[in-house]
N, C-alpha and C. Protein backbone atom coordinates (compact mmCIF):
# COMPACT_ATOMS: atom_id res chain seq x y z
N UNK A 1 -7.86 4.65 -19.26
CA UNK A 1 -6.40 4.63 -19.50
C UNK A 1 -6.14 5.34 -20.80
N UNK A 2 -5.02 6.01 -20.87
CA UNK A 2 -4.54 6.58 -22.12
C UNK A 2 -3.90 5.59 -22.95
N UNK A 3 -4.04 5.84 -24.40
CA UNK A 3 -3.42 4.97 -25.32
C UNK A 3 -1.91 4.96 -25.10
N UNK A 4 -1.19 3.89 -25.53
CA UNK A 4 0.26 3.81 -25.47
C UNK A 4 0.80 4.50 -26.79
N UNK A 5 2.18 4.98 -26.69
CA UNK A 5 2.95 4.97 -25.59
C UNK A 5 2.82 6.16 -24.64
N UNK A 6 3.23 5.77 -23.39
CA UNK A 6 3.11 6.79 -22.29
C UNK A 6 4.51 7.32 -22.18
N UNK A 7 4.70 8.45 -21.68
CA UNK A 7 5.99 9.17 -21.53
C UNK A 7 6.12 9.84 -20.06
N UNK A 8 7.21 9.47 -19.53
CA UNK A 8 7.46 10.05 -18.15
C UNK A 8 8.73 10.74 -18.07
N UNK A 9 8.69 11.83 -17.35
CA UNK A 9 10.04 12.57 -17.31
C UNK A 9 10.29 12.94 -15.82
N UNK A 10 11.54 13.05 -15.58
CA UNK A 10 11.91 13.48 -14.22
C UNK A 10 13.20 14.19 -14.49
N UNK A 11 13.54 15.15 -13.45
CA UNK A 11 14.72 15.99 -13.49
C UNK A 11 15.35 15.87 -12.26
N UNK A 12 16.72 15.65 -12.29
CA UNK A 12 17.55 15.60 -11.17
C UNK A 12 18.42 16.89 -11.14
N UNK A 13 18.40 17.61 -9.83
CA UNK A 13 19.14 18.97 -9.67
C UNK A 13 20.25 18.59 -8.58
N UNK A 14 21.37 18.87 -8.92
CA UNK A 14 22.45 18.67 -7.93
C UNK A 14 23.57 19.77 -8.13
N UNK A 15 24.42 19.91 -7.10
CA UNK A 15 25.75 20.62 -7.12
C UNK A 15 26.78 19.66 -6.89
N UNK A 16 28.02 20.02 -6.85
CA UNK A 16 29.15 19.16 -6.80
C UNK A 16 29.13 18.44 -5.53
N UNK A 17 28.60 18.92 -4.45
CA UNK A 17 28.39 18.23 -3.21
C UNK A 17 26.97 18.24 -2.66
N UNK A 18 26.64 17.38 -1.79
CA UNK A 18 25.37 17.41 -1.26
C UNK A 18 24.19 16.49 -1.91
N UNK A 19 22.92 16.92 -1.34
CA UNK A 19 21.86 16.05 -1.85
C UNK A 19 21.55 16.31 -3.33
N UNK A 20 20.70 15.35 -3.94
CA UNK A 20 20.19 15.60 -5.28
C UNK A 20 18.58 15.86 -4.99
N UNK A 21 18.14 16.60 -5.78
CA UNK A 21 16.58 16.93 -5.60
C UNK A 21 15.89 16.40 -7.03
N UNK A 22 15.04 15.49 -6.80
CA UNK A 22 14.13 15.03 -7.87
C UNK A 22 12.99 15.63 -8.15
N UNK A 23 12.58 16.12 -9.30
CA UNK A 23 11.34 16.84 -9.58
C UNK A 23 10.80 16.08 -10.79
N UNK A 24 9.40 16.15 -10.86
CA UNK A 24 8.61 15.56 -12.01
C UNK A 24 7.19 16.36 -11.88
N UNK A 25 7.05 17.20 -12.90
CA UNK A 25 5.76 17.84 -13.10
C UNK A 25 5.32 18.52 -11.82
N UNK A 26 4.12 18.24 -11.44
CA UNK A 26 3.49 18.95 -10.25
C UNK A 26 3.77 18.07 -8.91
N UNK A 27 4.62 17.09 -8.98
CA UNK A 27 4.78 16.23 -7.79
C UNK A 27 5.67 16.85 -6.88
N UNK A 28 5.52 16.64 -5.57
CA UNK A 28 6.47 17.08 -4.53
C UNK A 28 7.95 16.67 -4.88
N UNK A 29 8.95 17.48 -4.44
CA UNK A 29 10.24 17.22 -4.84
C UNK A 29 10.81 16.05 -3.78
N UNK A 30 11.65 15.15 -4.25
CA UNK A 30 12.31 14.07 -3.44
C UNK A 30 13.65 14.46 -3.34
N UNK A 31 14.17 14.36 -2.25
CA UNK A 31 15.70 14.55 -1.93
C UNK A 31 16.30 13.36 -1.79
N UNK A 32 17.33 12.96 -2.54
CA UNK A 32 18.13 11.87 -2.48
C UNK A 32 19.62 11.95 -2.20
N UNK A 33 20.21 10.92 -1.73
CA UNK A 33 21.66 10.86 -1.61
C UNK A 33 22.19 9.40 -1.79
N UNK A 34 23.40 9.23 -1.79
CA UNK A 34 23.86 7.75 -1.88
C UNK A 34 23.51 6.98 -0.67
N UNK A 35 23.47 5.76 -0.84
CA UNK A 35 23.02 4.81 0.44
C UNK A 35 24.34 4.55 1.20
N UNK A 36 24.26 4.20 2.45
CA UNK A 36 25.43 3.99 3.18
C UNK A 36 26.50 3.01 2.55
N UNK A 37 25.97 2.20 1.67
CA UNK A 37 26.75 1.10 1.00
C UNK A 37 27.73 1.85 0.13
N UNK A 38 27.38 3.10 -0.35
CA UNK A 38 28.23 3.95 -1.35
C UNK A 38 28.80 5.12 -0.61
N UNK A 39 28.93 5.08 0.83
CA UNK A 39 29.36 6.30 1.49
C UNK A 39 28.33 7.40 1.77
N UNK A 40 27.17 7.11 1.54
CA UNK A 40 26.20 8.18 1.70
C UNK A 40 25.76 8.14 3.18
N UNK A 41 24.83 9.24 3.56
CA UNK A 41 24.38 9.32 4.87
C UNK A 41 23.48 8.17 5.37
N UNK A 42 22.70 7.66 4.63
CA UNK A 42 21.76 6.59 5.08
C UNK A 42 20.41 7.06 5.66
N UNK A 43 20.26 8.28 5.38
CA UNK A 43 18.91 8.83 6.01
C UNK A 43 18.04 9.49 4.91
N UNK A 44 18.34 9.20 3.62
CA UNK A 44 17.69 9.82 2.58
C UNK A 44 17.32 8.75 1.49
N UNK A 45 16.40 8.95 0.64
CA UNK A 45 16.11 7.92 -0.40
C UNK A 45 17.27 7.90 -1.37
N UNK A 46 17.67 6.85 -1.84
CA UNK A 46 18.72 6.70 -2.80
C UNK A 46 18.22 6.12 -4.11
N UNK A 47 18.92 6.20 -5.24
CA UNK A 47 18.42 5.50 -6.40
C UNK A 47 18.18 4.08 -6.23
N UNK A 48 19.00 3.31 -5.28
CA UNK A 48 18.68 1.98 -5.21
C UNK A 48 17.51 1.73 -4.39
N UNK A 49 17.13 2.58 -3.30
CA UNK A 49 15.87 2.33 -2.52
C UNK A 49 14.70 2.78 -3.41
N UNK A 50 14.95 3.73 -4.21
CA UNK A 50 13.77 4.26 -5.14
C UNK A 50 13.52 3.21 -6.10
N UNK A 51 14.52 2.34 -6.58
CA UNK A 51 14.20 1.39 -7.55
C UNK A 51 13.54 0.20 -6.95
N UNK A 52 14.00 -0.25 -5.86
CA UNK A 52 13.25 -1.36 -5.14
C UNK A 52 11.97 -1.00 -4.68
N UNK A 53 11.68 0.44 -4.30
CA UNK A 53 10.42 0.79 -3.88
C UNK A 53 9.47 0.91 -5.13
N UNK A 54 10.00 1.06 -6.25
CA UNK A 54 9.11 1.04 -7.34
C UNK A 54 8.73 -0.40 -7.67
N UNK A 55 9.44 -1.35 -7.41
CA UNK A 55 8.99 -2.70 -7.51
C UNK A 55 7.78 -3.00 -6.68
N UNK A 56 8.01 -2.59 -5.26
CA UNK A 56 6.83 -2.74 -4.41
C UNK A 56 5.59 -2.03 -4.71
N UNK A 57 5.80 -0.81 -5.15
CA UNK A 57 4.76 0.11 -5.46
C UNK A 57 4.02 -0.42 -6.62
N UNK A 58 4.75 -0.81 -7.63
CA UNK A 58 3.97 -1.21 -8.90
C UNK A 58 3.28 -2.51 -8.73
N UNK A 59 3.93 -3.36 -7.79
CA UNK A 59 3.21 -4.61 -7.44
C UNK A 59 1.91 -4.43 -6.83
N UNK A 60 1.75 -3.46 -5.89
CA UNK A 60 0.60 -3.23 -5.20
C UNK A 60 -0.41 -2.50 -5.96
N UNK A 61 -0.08 -1.54 -6.79
CA UNK A 61 -0.84 -0.89 -7.78
C UNK A 61 -1.36 -1.87 -8.86
N UNK A 62 -0.54 -2.83 -9.33
CA UNK A 62 -1.09 -3.76 -10.24
C UNK A 62 -1.88 -4.80 -9.74
N UNK A 63 -1.76 -5.15 -8.49
CA UNK A 63 -2.54 -5.96 -7.85
C UNK A 63 -3.93 -5.47 -7.63
N UNK A 64 -3.94 -4.25 -7.25
CA UNK A 64 -5.19 -3.50 -6.96
C UNK A 64 -6.07 -3.50 -8.22
N UNK A 65 -5.44 -3.23 -9.42
CA UNK A 65 -6.28 -3.32 -10.77
C UNK A 65 -6.66 -4.75 -11.05
N UNK A 66 -5.94 -5.77 -10.89
CA UNK A 66 -6.37 -6.97 -11.32
C UNK A 66 -7.44 -7.51 -10.28
N UNK A 67 -7.25 -7.21 -8.98
CA UNK A 67 -8.25 -7.61 -8.10
C UNK A 67 -9.71 -7.01 -8.44
N UNK A 68 -9.55 -5.63 -8.72
CA UNK A 68 -10.77 -5.05 -9.11
C UNK A 68 -11.40 -5.57 -10.42
N UNK A 69 -10.67 -5.82 -11.44
CA UNK A 69 -11.13 -6.53 -12.61
C UNK A 69 -11.72 -7.86 -12.37
N UNK A 70 -11.08 -8.60 -11.32
CA UNK A 70 -11.65 -9.97 -11.09
C UNK A 70 -12.55 -9.97 -10.07
N UNK A 71 -12.95 -8.83 -9.41
CA UNK A 71 -13.91 -8.79 -8.28
C UNK A 71 -13.57 -9.70 -7.08
N UNK A 72 -12.32 -9.53 -6.77
CA UNK A 72 -11.83 -10.28 -5.58
C UNK A 72 -11.75 -9.25 -4.32
N UNK A 73 -12.60 -9.59 -3.35
CA UNK A 73 -12.66 -8.78 -2.19
C UNK A 73 -11.30 -8.96 -1.40
N UNK A 74 -10.76 -7.87 -0.83
CA UNK A 74 -9.55 -8.07 0.02
C UNK A 74 -9.48 -6.72 0.84
N UNK A 75 -8.83 -6.97 1.97
CA UNK A 75 -8.63 -5.71 2.93
C UNK A 75 -7.43 -5.08 2.87
N UNK A 76 -6.22 -5.76 2.65
CA UNK A 76 -5.07 -5.11 2.79
C UNK A 76 -4.00 -6.01 2.03
N UNK A 77 -2.82 -5.25 1.50
CA UNK A 77 -1.83 -6.01 0.99
C UNK A 77 -0.54 -5.40 1.45
N UNK A 78 0.41 -6.21 2.02
CA UNK A 78 1.68 -5.66 2.44
C UNK A 78 2.63 -6.16 1.33
N UNK A 79 3.60 -5.35 0.84
CA UNK A 79 4.32 -5.83 -0.17
C UNK A 79 5.81 -5.33 0.19
N UNK A 80 6.73 -6.36 0.53
CA UNK A 80 8.11 -5.96 0.79
C UNK A 80 8.97 -6.40 -0.24
N UNK A 81 9.77 -5.40 -0.86
CA UNK A 81 10.63 -5.84 -2.04
C UNK A 81 12.05 -5.75 -1.51
N UNK A 82 12.80 -6.73 -2.14
CA UNK A 82 14.32 -6.68 -1.62
C UNK A 82 15.05 -6.84 -3.03
N UNK A 83 15.94 -5.99 -3.19
CA UNK A 83 16.80 -6.05 -4.39
C UNK A 83 18.15 -6.39 -4.09
N UNK A 84 18.74 -7.16 -4.84
CA UNK A 84 20.12 -7.67 -4.60
C UNK A 84 21.22 -6.98 -5.71
N UNK A 85 22.01 -6.08 -5.11
CA UNK A 85 22.92 -5.26 -6.00
C UNK A 85 24.34 -6.04 -6.07
N UNK A 86 24.85 -6.30 -7.02
CA UNK A 86 26.06 -7.06 -7.21
C UNK A 86 26.86 -6.70 -8.39
N UNK A 87 28.11 -7.26 -8.44
CA UNK A 87 28.92 -6.95 -9.67
C UNK A 87 28.87 -8.17 -10.50
N UNK A 88 28.55 -7.88 -11.80
CA UNK A 88 28.50 -9.07 -12.76
C UNK A 88 29.31 -8.61 -14.04
N UNK A 89 30.44 -9.28 -14.26
CA UNK A 89 31.41 -9.00 -15.35
C UNK A 89 31.84 -7.54 -15.31
N UNK A 90 32.35 -7.08 -14.12
CA UNK A 90 32.71 -5.77 -13.82
C UNK A 90 31.62 -4.55 -13.90
N UNK A 91 30.32 -5.01 -13.96
CA UNK A 91 29.30 -4.04 -14.01
C UNK A 91 28.31 -4.20 -12.79
N UNK A 92 28.14 -3.09 -12.05
CA UNK A 92 27.30 -3.10 -10.80
C UNK A 92 25.84 -2.99 -11.29
N UNK A 93 25.09 -4.08 -10.91
CA UNK A 93 23.71 -4.06 -11.27
C UNK A 93 22.98 -5.02 -10.39
N UNK A 94 21.54 -4.57 -10.28
CA UNK A 94 20.54 -5.41 -9.69
C UNK A 94 20.48 -6.79 -10.25
N UNK A 95 20.93 -7.73 -9.46
CA UNK A 95 20.87 -9.17 -10.08
C UNK A 95 19.59 -10.00 -9.62
N UNK A 96 18.74 -9.53 -8.76
CA UNK A 96 17.54 -10.17 -8.50
C UNK A 96 16.66 -9.33 -7.53
N UNK A 97 15.44 -9.65 -7.50
CA UNK A 97 14.38 -8.94 -6.85
C UNK A 97 13.50 -10.12 -6.20
N UNK A 98 13.21 -9.75 -4.84
CA UNK A 98 12.24 -10.82 -4.29
C UNK A 98 11.18 -9.77 -3.68
N UNK A 99 9.94 -10.31 -4.19
CA UNK A 99 8.70 -9.50 -3.67
C UNK A 99 7.98 -10.50 -2.60
N UNK A 100 7.83 -9.98 -1.46
CA UNK A 100 7.15 -10.65 -0.31
C UNK A 100 5.83 -10.05 -0.12
N UNK A 101 4.73 -10.70 -0.64
CA UNK A 101 3.42 -10.21 -0.59
C UNK A 101 2.58 -10.94 0.39
N UNK A 102 1.85 -10.07 1.22
CA UNK A 102 1.02 -10.79 2.35
C UNK A 102 -0.33 -10.05 2.03
N UNK A 103 -1.29 -10.87 1.63
CA UNK A 103 -2.55 -10.45 1.25
C UNK A 103 -3.65 -10.92 2.36
N UNK A 104 -4.51 -10.01 2.79
CA UNK A 104 -5.50 -10.21 3.61
C UNK A 104 -6.87 -10.12 3.06
N UNK A 105 -7.58 -11.28 3.11
CA UNK A 105 -8.83 -11.37 2.47
C UNK A 105 -9.95 -11.61 3.66
N UNK A 106 -11.22 -11.26 3.25
CA UNK A 106 -12.30 -11.65 4.22
C UNK A 106 -12.47 -13.00 4.44
N UNK A 107 -13.12 -13.51 5.58
CA UNK A 107 -13.39 -14.98 5.73
C UNK A 107 -14.27 -15.43 4.65
N UNK A 108 -14.17 -16.71 4.15
CA UNK A 108 -14.79 -17.31 3.24
C UNK A 108 -14.29 -16.96 1.78
N UNK A 109 -13.22 -16.25 1.73
CA UNK A 109 -12.68 -16.00 0.32
C UNK A 109 -12.00 -17.14 -0.21
N UNK A 110 -11.94 -17.19 -1.53
CA UNK A 110 -11.22 -18.23 -2.30
C UNK A 110 -9.70 -17.93 -2.22
N UNK A 111 -8.98 -18.57 -1.26
CA UNK A 111 -7.57 -18.17 -1.00
C UNK A 111 -6.75 -18.67 -2.29
N UNK A 112 -7.15 -19.88 -2.87
CA UNK A 112 -6.40 -20.18 -4.18
C UNK A 112 -6.57 -19.27 -5.25
N UNK A 113 -7.78 -18.67 -5.47
CA UNK A 113 -7.90 -17.67 -6.45
C UNK A 113 -7.12 -16.38 -6.13
N UNK A 114 -7.04 -15.98 -4.79
CA UNK A 114 -6.28 -14.78 -4.55
C UNK A 114 -4.80 -15.02 -4.72
N UNK A 115 -4.26 -16.33 -4.49
CA UNK A 115 -2.92 -16.54 -4.65
C UNK A 115 -2.66 -16.53 -6.29
N UNK A 116 -3.63 -16.93 -7.08
CA UNK A 116 -3.50 -16.94 -8.55
C UNK A 116 -3.31 -15.48 -9.00
N UNK A 117 -4.10 -14.58 -8.34
CA UNK A 117 -4.16 -13.18 -8.84
C UNK A 117 -2.70 -12.49 -8.39
N UNK A 118 -2.26 -12.90 -7.16
CA UNK A 118 -0.97 -12.45 -6.76
C UNK A 118 0.15 -12.83 -7.83
N UNK A 119 0.00 -14.07 -8.31
CA UNK A 119 0.98 -14.60 -9.19
C UNK A 119 0.88 -13.85 -10.56
N UNK A 120 -0.44 -13.62 -10.92
CA UNK A 120 -0.65 -12.89 -12.15
C UNK A 120 0.01 -11.52 -12.06
N UNK A 121 -0.24 -10.88 -10.90
CA UNK A 121 0.39 -9.59 -10.69
C UNK A 121 1.92 -9.60 -10.86
N UNK A 122 2.58 -10.64 -10.36
CA UNK A 122 3.99 -10.60 -10.46
C UNK A 122 4.41 -10.72 -12.10
N UNK A 123 3.50 -11.51 -12.78
CA UNK A 123 3.83 -11.67 -14.21
C UNK A 123 3.61 -10.43 -15.00
N UNK A 124 2.75 -9.51 -14.67
CA UNK A 124 2.41 -8.40 -15.40
C UNK A 124 2.81 -7.00 -14.81
N UNK A 125 3.32 -7.08 -13.68
CA UNK A 125 4.01 -5.74 -13.08
C UNK A 125 4.90 -5.09 -14.15
N UNK A 126 4.56 -3.95 -14.55
CA UNK A 126 5.49 -3.34 -15.60
C UNK A 126 6.92 -3.02 -15.10
N UNK A 127 7.06 -2.67 -13.84
CA UNK A 127 8.37 -2.38 -13.39
C UNK A 127 9.33 -3.69 -13.26
N UNK A 128 8.84 -4.85 -12.75
CA UNK A 128 9.63 -5.96 -12.71
C UNK A 128 9.82 -6.45 -14.16
N UNK A 129 8.85 -6.37 -14.97
CA UNK A 129 9.04 -6.84 -16.33
C UNK A 129 10.05 -5.91 -17.04
N UNK A 130 10.24 -4.66 -16.59
CA UNK A 130 11.22 -3.88 -17.27
C UNK A 130 12.65 -3.87 -16.73
N UNK A 131 12.91 -4.55 -15.59
CA UNK A 131 14.24 -4.51 -15.07
C UNK A 131 14.97 -5.85 -15.61
N UNK A 132 16.30 -5.72 -15.52
CA UNK A 132 17.14 -6.83 -15.96
C UNK A 132 17.25 -7.99 -15.10
N UNK A 133 17.24 -7.68 -13.75
CA UNK A 133 17.32 -8.81 -12.81
C UNK A 133 16.06 -9.49 -12.67
N UNK A 134 16.20 -10.79 -12.54
CA UNK A 134 14.87 -11.64 -12.53
C UNK A 134 14.22 -11.28 -11.04
N UNK A 135 12.91 -11.57 -11.15
CA UNK A 135 12.00 -11.24 -9.91
C UNK A 135 11.36 -12.59 -9.50
N UNK A 136 11.19 -12.71 -8.03
CA UNK A 136 10.54 -13.98 -7.63
C UNK A 136 9.53 -13.40 -6.60
N UNK A 137 8.42 -14.19 -6.67
CA UNK A 137 7.40 -13.75 -5.72
C UNK A 137 7.27 -14.74 -4.50
N UNK A 138 7.22 -14.37 -3.30
CA UNK A 138 6.94 -15.07 -2.10
C UNK A 138 5.63 -14.48 -1.51
N UNK A 139 4.44 -15.16 -1.80
CA UNK A 139 3.21 -14.68 -1.51
C UNK A 139 2.48 -15.52 -0.30
N UNK A 140 1.72 -14.88 0.52
CA UNK A 140 0.78 -15.56 1.42
C UNK A 140 -0.45 -14.82 1.48
N UNK A 141 -1.55 -15.74 1.71
CA UNK A 141 -2.89 -15.12 1.76
C UNK A 141 -3.34 -15.33 3.17
N UNK A 142 -3.96 -14.42 3.84
CA UNK A 142 -4.35 -14.63 5.26
C UNK A 142 -6.02 -14.21 5.21
N UNK A 143 -6.74 -14.99 5.78
CA UNK A 143 -8.16 -14.53 6.15
C UNK A 143 -8.27 -13.77 7.31
N UNK A 144 -8.84 -12.59 7.18
CA UNK A 144 -8.95 -11.61 8.43
C UNK A 144 -10.27 -11.11 8.48
N UNK A 145 -11.00 -11.35 9.56
CA UNK A 145 -12.31 -10.80 9.87
C UNK A 145 -12.46 -9.29 9.90
C-alpha cells in the first residue's frame, strides 16, 4: 500500500440535456443520469446508486483484506447495501445505510470468528466511515461445502 494521503480524481462531462459521462484516469467511462425518483430514466447509474454501490463495494474489498490478514477461509460474500435518502432541515441527504452481508464459509469454519470479522469490516470500511449517514450491518454466515 502507498503512504497516505491518497488522492483520487474524477471528471463529469455533460451538456444542458442528456447523460453525464464520468471519467477517471484509464478507467472505462460510466454513463449516469438522474434516478427515476428525480425524473430520470431509471436505466442508468445515478449519483445515488453509485454512492450506495460504493458502500457495498468497499465493504467487500475491506472484508477481503481483513479475512486475508486473519487467515479466514471463505468462498463467497454477497453484500447488499441500501441507502435512505430523505430531507433533513431542508437538506436532501442520505440519512442511513444498511449493509446486508451474507458470507459463505467452508464446513468446520469458526462462524463466530467470521461474524466478528464482518463486524470489524463495518467498523473500518472507509466509505461508510466517510459518509454522514449512520451505517448498520445485518450479517449472516453460512457453511457451504
